[in-house]
Amino acid sequence: MKTSSFAIVAAGFLLAITPIGIFAPEAYIEGWRAFSKLKPLCHAIAVIWVVMSLLVLMRPAGRKSLAERCVRVLACLALIKSLVMLWVPGFLPMAIDWLTWLPEWAMRLGSLCDFSFGLLMLWTARLLIRAESQTEEDSAE
């Protein structure tokens, strides 16, 4: 999987979920709590993230750009987090319980930071796509 594709998927995930945390923090926590009770779905999504992360990490790094390195580090972190979700059964409910202790302003601020990170990932994906297209043009000549 190309690093640009992984960045787009991560950005899409963040940009789809985080507005709920910004505008309705209680509903955000309740949604995560309901999600954590659906064990087969949690495991399926964790396996999908493991596979996507491994696909990014198994592909040789074409460029040594900072953007690609950042996305590869993000893939490593996603791999670790997904494996922990699979191997530690109480991880997700524990993380959600921790969220309930946060004040509402902290939930909004965290979700706003996550939303900003999603926008950064879209921008990073655009940089990677532009670099990939320039590399393809150079090799065609």
N, C-alpha and C. Protein backbone atom coordinates (compact mmCIF):
# COMPACT_ATOMS: atom_id res chain seq x y z
N MET A 1 0.85 -1.17 0.00
CA MET A 1 0.00 0.00 0.00
C MET A 1 0.90 1.23 0.00
N LYS A 2 0.58 2.19 -0.82
CA LYS A 2 1.35 3.42 -0.86
C LYS A 2 1.12 4.22 0.42
N THR A 3 2.12 4.96 0.81
CA THR A 3 1.98 5.78 2.01
C THR A 3 0.91 6.85 1.83
N SER A 4 0.74 7.33 0.61
CA SER A 4 -0.29 8.34 0.36
C SER A 4 -1.68 7.75 0.58
N SER A 5 -1.89 6.50 0.20
CA SER A 5 -3.18 5.85 0.41
C SER A 5 -3.46 5.67 1.89
N PHE A 6 -2.44 5.26 2.64
CA PHE A 6 -2.61 5.10 4.08
C PHE A 6 -2.95 6.43 4.74
N ALA A 7 -2.28 7.50 4.31
CA ALA A 7 -2.55 8.82 4.87
C ALA A 7 -3.97 9.26 4.57
N ILE A 8 -4.47 8.95 3.38
CA ILE A 8 -5.84 9.32 3.02
C ILE A 8 -6.85 8.55 3.87
N VAL A 9 -6.61 7.26 4.09
CA VAL A 9 -7.52 6.45 4.91
C VAL A 9 -7.52 6.96 6.35
N ALA A 10 -6.34 7.23 6.90
CA ALA A 10 -6.26 7.74 8.27
C ALA A 10 -6.96 9.10 8.38
N ALA A 11 -6.74 9.96 7.39
CA ALA A 11 -7.39 11.27 7.40
C ALA A 11 -8.90 11.14 7.29
N GLY A 12 -9.37 10.28 6.42
CA GLY A 12 -10.81 10.08 6.28
C GLY A 12 -11.45 9.59 7.56
N PHE A 13 -10.78 8.67 8.22
CA PHE A 13 -11.27 8.16 9.51
C PHE A 13 -11.37 9.29 10.53
N LEU A 14 -10.31 10.07 10.66
CA LEU A 14 -10.31 11.16 11.64
C LEU A 14 -11.32 12.25 11.30
N LEU A 15 -11.38 12.62 10.03
CA LEU A 15 -12.29 13.69 9.63
C LEU A 15 -13.76 13.28 9.71
N ALA A 16 -14.03 11.98 9.66
CA ALA A 16 -15.41 11.51 9.78
C ALA A 16 -15.87 11.43 11.23
N ILE A 17 -14.96 11.11 12.14
CA ILE A 17 -15.35 10.86 13.53
C ILE A 17 -15.19 12.07 14.44
N THR A 18 -14.14 12.84 14.26
CA THR A 18 -13.83 13.89 15.24
C THR A 18 -14.82 15.04 15.34
N PRO A 19 -15.56 15.40 14.30
CA PRO A 19 -16.53 16.49 14.51
C PRO A 19 -17.56 16.16 15.60
N ILE A 20 -17.87 14.89 15.79
CA ILE A 20 -18.81 14.51 16.86
C ILE A 20 -18.20 14.86 18.21
N GLY A 21 -16.92 14.60 18.38
CA GLY A 21 -16.24 14.94 19.62
C GLY A 21 -16.14 16.43 19.87
N ILE A 22 -16.09 17.20 18.79
CA ILE A 22 -16.01 18.66 18.93
C ILE A 22 -17.36 19.23 19.36
N PHE A 23 -18.42 18.78 18.69
CA PHE A 23 -19.74 19.39 18.91
C PHE A 23 -20.60 18.67 19.94
N ALA A 24 -20.37 17.38 20.15
CA ALA A 24 -21.17 16.61 21.12
C ALA A 24 -20.28 15.60 21.84
N PRO A 25 -19.47 16.05 22.80
CA PRO A 25 -18.53 15.14 23.46
C PRO A 25 -19.19 13.97 24.17
N GLU A 26 -20.35 14.18 24.77
CA GLU A 26 -21.04 13.08 25.46
C GLU A 26 -21.49 12.01 24.46
N ALA A 27 -22.02 12.45 23.32
CA ALA A 27 -22.43 11.49 22.29
C ALA A 27 -21.22 10.75 21.72
N TYR A 28 -20.10 11.43 21.64
CA TYR A 28 -18.86 10.83 21.16
C TYR A 28 -18.44 9.68 22.07
N ILE A 29 -18.46 9.92 23.37
CA ILE A 29 -18.08 8.88 24.34
C ILE A 29 -19.09 7.73 24.30
N GLU A 30 -20.37 8.06 24.22
CA GLU A 30 -21.40 7.01 24.16
C GLU A 30 -21.26 6.18 22.88
N GLY A 31 -20.91 6.82 21.79
CA GLY A 31 -20.69 6.09 20.54
C GLY A 31 -19.51 5.13 20.65
N TRP A 32 -18.43 5.57 21.25
CA TRP A 32 -17.28 4.69 21.45
C TRP A 32 -17.61 3.57 22.41
N ARG A 33 -18.40 3.89 23.44
CA ARG A 33 -18.80 2.85 24.40
C ARG A 33 -19.65 1.78 23.70
N ALA A 34 -20.58 2.21 22.85
CA ALA A 34 -21.41 1.25 22.11
C ALA A 34 -20.55 0.43 21.13
N PHE A 35 -19.58 1.09 20.50
CA PHE A 35 -18.69 0.39 19.57
C PHE A 35 -17.88 -0.68 20.29
N SER A 36 -17.40 -0.36 21.50
CA SER A 36 -16.55 -1.30 22.22
C SER A 36 -17.30 -2.56 22.64
N LYS A 37 -18.62 -2.49 22.69
CA LYS A 37 -19.41 -3.68 23.04
C LYS A 37 -19.58 -4.63 21.87
N LEU A 38 -19.29 -4.18 20.66
CA LEU A 38 -19.40 -5.01 19.46
C LEU A 38 -18.04 -5.64 19.18
N LYS A 39 -17.72 -6.67 19.93
CA LYS A 39 -16.38 -7.28 19.88
C LYS A 39 -15.97 -7.75 18.48
N PRO A 40 -16.85 -8.46 17.74
CA PRO A 40 -16.41 -8.90 16.40
C PRO A 40 -16.08 -7.72 15.48
N LEU A 41 -16.86 -6.65 15.57
CA LEU A 41 -16.58 -5.48 14.74
C LEU A 41 -15.27 -4.82 15.16
N CYS A 42 -15.04 -4.70 16.47
CA CYS A 42 -13.77 -4.14 16.96
C CYS A 42 -12.59 -4.94 16.46
N HIS A 43 -12.69 -6.26 16.53
CA HIS A 43 -11.59 -7.11 16.07
C HIS A 43 -11.41 -7.02 14.55
N ALA A 44 -12.49 -6.96 13.82
CA ALA A 44 -12.39 -6.86 12.36
C ALA A 44 -11.70 -5.55 11.96
N ILE A 45 -12.07 -4.46 12.60
CA ILE A 45 -11.45 -3.17 12.27
C ILE A 45 -9.98 -3.17 12.69
N ALA A 46 -9.67 -3.77 13.84
CA ALA A 46 -8.27 -3.85 14.28
C ALA A 46 -7.45 -4.67 13.27
N VAL A 47 -8.01 -5.77 12.78
CA VAL A 47 -7.31 -6.60 11.78
C VAL A 47 -7.11 -5.81 10.49
N ILE A 48 -8.10 -5.03 10.08
CA ILE A 48 -7.96 -4.22 8.87
C ILE A 48 -6.82 -3.22 9.03
N TRP A 49 -6.74 -2.57 10.19
CA TRP A 49 -5.65 -1.61 10.43
C TRP A 49 -4.29 -2.33 10.51
N VAL A 50 -4.25 -3.53 11.05
CA VAL A 50 -3.00 -4.31 11.07
C VAL A 50 -2.55 -4.59 9.64
N VAL A 51 -3.47 -5.04 8.81
CA VAL A 51 -3.12 -5.37 7.42
C VAL A 51 -2.67 -4.12 6.67
N MET A 52 -3.41 -3.02 6.81
CA MET A 52 -3.02 -1.79 6.10
C MET A 52 -1.65 -1.31 6.57
N SER A 53 -1.40 -1.36 7.87
CA SER A 53 -0.11 -0.92 8.41
C SER A 53 1.02 -1.80 7.89
N LEU A 54 0.80 -3.11 7.90
CA LEU A 54 1.83 -4.02 7.39
C LEU A 54 2.09 -3.81 5.90
N LEU A 55 1.03 -3.52 5.14
CA LEU A 55 1.21 -3.27 3.71
C LEU A 55 2.06 -2.03 3.47
N VAL A 56 1.89 -1.02 4.31
CA VAL A 56 2.72 0.19 4.19
C VAL A 56 4.16 -0.12 4.58
N LEU A 57 4.32 -0.83 5.68
CA LEU A 57 5.66 -1.07 6.20
C LEU A 57 6.45 -2.09 5.37
N MET A 58 5.77 -3.01 4.72
CA MET A 58 6.45 -4.02 3.91
C MET A 58 6.91 -3.46 2.56
N ARG A 59 6.27 -2.40 2.11
CA ARG A 59 6.67 -1.79 0.85
C ARG A 59 7.97 -1.01 1.07
N PRO A 60 8.94 -1.20 0.21
CA PRO A 60 10.19 -0.46 0.38
C PRO A 60 9.96 1.05 0.30
N ALA A 61 10.67 1.77 1.15
CA ALA A 61 10.55 3.23 1.14
C ALA A 61 11.20 3.76 -0.13
N GLY A 62 10.39 4.37 -0.99
CA GLY A 62 10.91 4.87 -2.26
C GLY A 62 11.72 6.14 -2.10
N ARG A 63 11.21 7.05 -1.30
CA ARG A 63 11.89 8.32 -1.07
C ARG A 63 12.21 8.43 0.41
N LYS A 64 13.12 9.25 0.71
CA LYS A 64 13.47 9.47 2.12
C LYS A 64 12.90 10.80 2.59
N SER A 65 11.74 11.19 2.07
CA SER A 65 11.15 12.47 2.44
C SER A 65 10.59 12.42 3.85
N LEU A 66 10.49 13.57 4.46
CA LEU A 66 9.95 13.67 5.81
C LEU A 66 8.49 13.23 5.84
N ALA A 67 7.73 13.57 4.82
CA ALA A 67 6.32 13.19 4.77
C ALA A 67 6.16 11.67 4.77
N GLU A 68 6.96 10.99 3.96
CA GLU A 68 6.87 9.53 3.92
C GLU A 68 7.30 8.91 5.24
N ARG A 69 8.34 9.45 5.83
CA ARG A 69 8.79 8.93 7.13
C ARG A 69 7.71 9.09 8.19
N CYS A 70 7.05 10.25 8.19
CA CYS A 70 5.99 10.48 9.18
C CYS A 70 4.84 9.50 9.01
N VAL A 71 4.45 9.24 7.77
CA VAL A 71 3.35 8.30 7.53
C VAL A 71 3.77 6.89 7.90
N ARG A 72 5.02 6.53 7.66
CA ARG A 72 5.50 5.20 8.06
C ARG A 72 5.53 5.06 9.58
N VAL A 73 5.89 6.12 10.29
CA VAL A 73 5.83 6.10 11.76
C VAL A 73 4.38 5.96 12.22
N LEU A 74 3.48 6.67 11.56
CA LEU A 74 2.06 6.54 11.88
C LEU A 74 1.58 5.11 11.64
N ALA A 75 2.06 4.48 10.59
CA ALA A 75 1.69 3.09 10.31
C ALA A 75 2.22 2.17 11.41
N CYS A 76 3.43 2.43 11.90
CA CYS A 76 3.97 1.64 13.02
C CYS A 76 3.10 1.80 14.25
N LEU A 77 2.73 3.03 14.56
CA LEU A 77 1.89 3.28 15.73
C LEU A 77 0.51 2.63 15.58
N ALA A 78 -0.05 2.70 14.37
CA ALA A 78 -1.35 2.06 14.13
C ALA A 78 -1.24 0.55 14.28
N LEU A 79 -0.14 -0.02 13.82
CA LEU A 79 0.09 -1.45 13.96
C LEU A 79 0.16 -1.85 15.43
N ILE A 80 0.92 -1.11 16.21
CA ILE A 80 1.05 -1.41 17.64
C ILE A 80 -0.30 -1.27 18.34
N LYS A 81 -1.00 -0.19 18.07
CA LYS A 81 -2.29 0.03 18.72
C LYS A 81 -3.29 -1.06 18.33
N SER A 82 -3.31 -1.44 17.08
CA SER A 82 -4.25 -2.47 16.63
C SER A 82 -3.92 -3.83 17.24
N LEU A 83 -2.64 -4.15 17.33
CA LEU A 83 -2.25 -5.41 17.96
C LEU A 83 -2.61 -5.42 19.45
N VAL A 84 -2.44 -4.29 20.11
CA VAL A 84 -2.84 -4.20 21.51
C VAL A 84 -4.35 -4.39 21.63
N MET A 85 -5.12 -3.80 20.71
CA MET A 85 -6.58 -3.99 20.74
C MET A 85 -6.94 -5.46 20.58
N LEU A 86 -6.17 -6.18 19.77
CA LEU A 86 -6.46 -7.60 19.54
C LEU A 86 -6.00 -8.48 20.71
N TRP A 87 -4.86 -8.17 21.28
CA TRP A 87 -4.26 -9.05 22.28
C TRP A 87 -4.62 -8.72 23.72
N VAL A 88 -5.04 -7.47 23.98
CA VAL A 88 -5.42 -7.07 25.35
C VAL A 88 -6.92 -6.80 25.33
N PRO A 89 -7.72 -7.75 25.79
CA PRO A 89 -9.17 -7.64 25.66
C PRO A 89 -9.78 -6.40 26.33
N GLY A 90 -9.23 -5.95 27.43
CA GLY A 90 -9.83 -4.81 28.13
C GLY A 90 -9.28 -3.46 27.74
N PHE A 91 -8.46 -3.41 26.67
CA PHE A 91 -7.81 -2.15 26.31
C PHE A 91 -8.82 -1.08 25.88
N LEU A 92 -9.70 -1.40 24.95
CA LEU A 92 -10.64 -0.40 24.45
C LEU A 92 -11.60 0.10 25.52
N PRO A 93 -12.23 -0.78 26.32
CA PRO A 93 -13.09 -0.26 27.40
C PRO A 93 -12.30 0.58 28.42
N MET A 94 -11.05 0.20 28.68
CA MET A 94 -10.23 0.97 29.62
C MET A 94 -9.96 2.37 29.06
N ALA A 95 -9.64 2.45 27.78
CA ALA A 95 -9.38 3.75 27.15
C ALA A 95 -10.64 4.61 27.15
N ILE A 96 -11.79 4.00 26.92
CA ILE A 96 -13.05 4.74 26.93
C ILE A 96 -13.40 5.21 28.33
N ASP A 97 -13.13 4.37 29.33
CA ASP A 97 -13.35 4.80 30.72
C ASP A 97 -12.46 5.99 31.07
N TRP A 98 -11.26 6.00 30.54
CA TRP A 98 -10.37 7.14 30.77
C TRP A 98 -10.95 8.40 30.16
N LEU A 99 -11.59 8.27 28.98
CA LEU A 99 -12.21 9.44 28.34
C LEU A 99 -13.31 10.05 29.20
N THR A 100 -14.04 9.23 29.95
CA THR A 100 -15.14 9.74 30.75
C THR A 100 -14.66 10.64 31.88
N TRP A 101 -13.39 10.52 32.27
CA TRP A 101 -12.85 11.37 33.34
C TRP A 101 -12.43 12.74 32.83
N LEU A 102 -12.31 12.88 31.53
CA LEU A 102 -11.89 14.16 30.98
C LEU A 102 -13.03 15.17 31.03
N PRO A 103 -12.72 16.43 31.32
CA PRO A 103 -13.77 17.46 31.25
C PRO A 103 -14.18 17.69 29.79
N GLU A 104 -15.35 18.28 29.61
CA GLU A 104 -15.89 18.47 28.26
C GLU A 104 -14.97 19.32 27.39
N TRP A 105 -14.37 20.36 27.97
CA TRP A 105 -13.49 21.21 27.18
C TRP A 105 -12.27 20.44 26.68
N ALA A 106 -11.77 19.51 27.49
CA ALA A 106 -10.62 18.71 27.08
C ALA A 106 -10.99 17.76 25.94
N MET A 107 -12.20 17.21 26.00
CA MET A 107 -12.68 16.35 24.90
C MET A 107 -12.78 17.14 23.61
N ARG A 108 -13.35 18.34 23.71
CA ARG A 108 -13.47 19.18 22.51
C ARG A 108 -12.10 19.56 21.95
N LEU A 109 -11.18 19.92 22.83
CA LEU A 109 -9.84 20.30 22.40
C LEU A 109 -9.11 19.11 21.76
N GLY A 110 -9.22 17.94 22.38
CA GLY A 110 -8.59 16.75 21.81
C GLY A 110 -9.16 16.39 20.45
N SER A 111 -10.47 16.49 20.34
CA SER A 111 -11.11 16.20 19.05
C SER A 111 -10.72 17.22 17.99
N LEU A 112 -10.58 18.48 18.41
CA LEU A 112 -10.13 19.52 17.47
C LEU A 112 -8.70 19.24 17.01
N CYS A 113 -7.85 18.79 17.92
CA CYS A 113 -6.48 18.41 17.54
C CYS A 113 -6.49 17.21 16.59
N ASP A 114 -7.35 16.24 16.86
CA ASP A 114 -7.46 15.08 15.96
C ASP A 114 -7.96 15.51 14.58
N PHE A 115 -8.91 16.43 14.54
CA PHE A 115 -9.42 16.93 13.27
C PHE A 115 -8.31 17.64 12.51
N SER A 116 -7.53 18.45 13.21
CA SER A 116 -6.40 19.15 12.58
C SER A 116 -5.37 18.15 12.06
N PHE A 117 -5.14 17.09 12.82
CA PHE A 117 -4.20 16.05 12.37
C PHE A 117 -4.74 15.37 11.12
N GLY A 118 -6.06 15.16 11.03
CA GLY A 118 -6.65 14.60 9.82
C GLY A 118 -6.41 15.49 8.60
N LEU A 119 -6.55 16.81 8.80
CA LEU A 119 -6.27 17.74 7.70
C LEU A 119 -4.80 17.69 7.31
N LEU A 120 -3.92 17.58 8.31
CA LEU A 120 -2.49 17.45 8.05
C LEU A 120 -2.20 16.18 7.25
N MET A 121 -2.88 15.10 7.57
CA MET A 121 -2.68 13.85 6.83
C MET A 121 -3.15 13.99 5.39
N LEU A 122 -4.24 14.72 5.15
CA LEU A 122 -4.68 14.96 3.77
C LEU A 122 -3.62 15.76 3.01
N TRP A 123 -3.08 16.77 3.65
CA TRP A 123 -2.04 17.58 3.03
C TRP A 123 -0.80 16.74 2.75
N THR A 124 -0.44 15.90 3.71
CA THR A 124 0.71 15.01 3.55
C THR A 124 0.48 14.05 2.39
N ALA A 125 -0.74 13.51 2.30
CA ALA A 125 -1.06 12.61 1.19
C ALA A 125 -0.92 13.33 -0.14
N ARG A 126 -1.34 14.59 -0.18
CA ARG A 126 -1.21 15.37 -1.42
C ARG A 126 0.26 15.56 -1.79
N LEU A 127 1.09 15.85 -0.80
CA LEU A 127 2.53 15.98 -1.07
C LEU A 127 3.12 14.66 -1.60
N LEU A 128 2.71 13.55 -0.99
CA LEU A 128 3.23 12.25 -1.42
C LEU A 128 2.76 11.90 -2.82
N ILE A 129 1.50 12.22 -3.14
CA ILE A 129 0.98 11.95 -4.49
C ILE A 129 1.73 12.79 -5.52
N ARG A 130 1.97 14.05 -5.19
CA ARG A 130 2.72 14.92 -6.11
C ARG A 130 4.13 14.38 -6.32
N ALA A 131 4.78 13.95 -5.25
CA ALA A 131 6.14 13.39 -5.38
C ALA A 131 6.12 12.10 -6.19
N GLU A 132 5.09 11.27 -6.00
CA GLU A 132 4.99 10.03 -6.77
C GLU A 132 4.81 10.32 -8.25
N SER A 133 3.98 11.30 -8.57
CA SER A 133 3.74 11.61 -9.98
C SER A 133 4.98 12.21 -10.63
N GLN A 134 5.76 13.00 -9.88
CA GLN A 134 7.01 13.54 -10.43
C GLN A 134 8.02 12.43 -10.66
N THR A 135 8.06 11.44 -9.77
CA THR A 135 8.97 10.31 -9.93
C THR A 135 8.60 9.50 -11.16
N GLU A 136 7.30 9.29 -11.37
CA GLU A 136 6.85 8.54 -12.53
C GLU A 136 7.17 9.28 -13.83
N GLU A 137 7.05 10.62 -13.83
CA GLU A 137 7.38 11.41 -15.02
C GLU A 137 8.87 11.34 -15.32
N ASP A 138 9.69 11.37 -14.26
CA ASP A 138 11.15 11.29 -14.44
C ASP A 138 11.55 9.94 -15.01
N SER A 139 10.92 8.87 -14.55
CA SER A 139 11.30 7.54 -15.04
C SER A 139 10.77 7.27 -16.45
N ALA A 140 9.74 8.03 -16.90
CA ALA A 140 9.20 7.84 -18.23
C ALA A 140 10.09 8.45 -19.30
N GLU A 141 10.90 9.41 -18.92
CA GLU A 141 11.74 10.09 -19.92
C GLU A 141 12.94 9.29 -20.31
